[in-house]
Amino acid sequence: MKLYITEGDLLDQPVEVIVNAWNRNIIPWWLLIPQGVSGAIKRRGGFGPFRELAHYGAIPLGEAVFTSAGRLPFRGIIHVAGINMFWRSSEFSVRKSVRSAMRIVAERGFSSVAIPLIGAGSGGGSADNIQNIILAELATIEFSGEVYVVRYKKEKRR
C-alpha cells in the first residue's frame, strides 16, 4: 500500500472513494446537525448519500456501508459506524471501522481511498491517538492501492 498522511479537506483528495465517519445510523440523518465530514458531504454533495444510508437501518459499531457520492466527484462514499451510542469512539470502533472500510474498498476494486480521523472531533478521541490507531490497523491490511489518511485543516482565507 502507498500510504499518505496529509492535512486538508477530505473532499479535496485525489481518490476514487472516501470514508465518512458516521454513527450507528439509529437517529434519522435529517435530525442531526451537520458537522465534521458528514456536514461537509451534505453541503457539497447533497442529501442523496444520506437518503441511501437511511435504507440500511442500524449499523453495528465498526461496520461500514457503501452509497453513491451524490454531487461529489468520487465513485462512492463508505460510511463507517465509528462512534457508539454515547457519541464516543474507542480503539475497537476505530480499528474495526478501518477494517470494514478497507474490506469494501477491496471488494469493489477501488485503487484509492481517503480516510478521515475516525472518532476524533465529535467522537472525543485525540487526533494524534486516532491517527496512530488508524495507521496501526492499516499496517495489518494488504492493499496494493493508495490510502490517504487525512487530518482536517481548514484553509486560510486571504
Foldseek 3Di string as FASTA:
>chain_A
DAEAEEEAQQLPDPFQEEEAQDAQLAPQPVVDDQDDNRNVLCVQQNCQQSVVVNVVHGHPQLAWDWDASHNRPHRTYIYHNQAYPVLAGDLVSLLSVLVNVVVVCVVVVTQEYEYELRCPDSNPDDSVVSVVSNVVSVVVDDHDHYYYYYYYDDDDDD
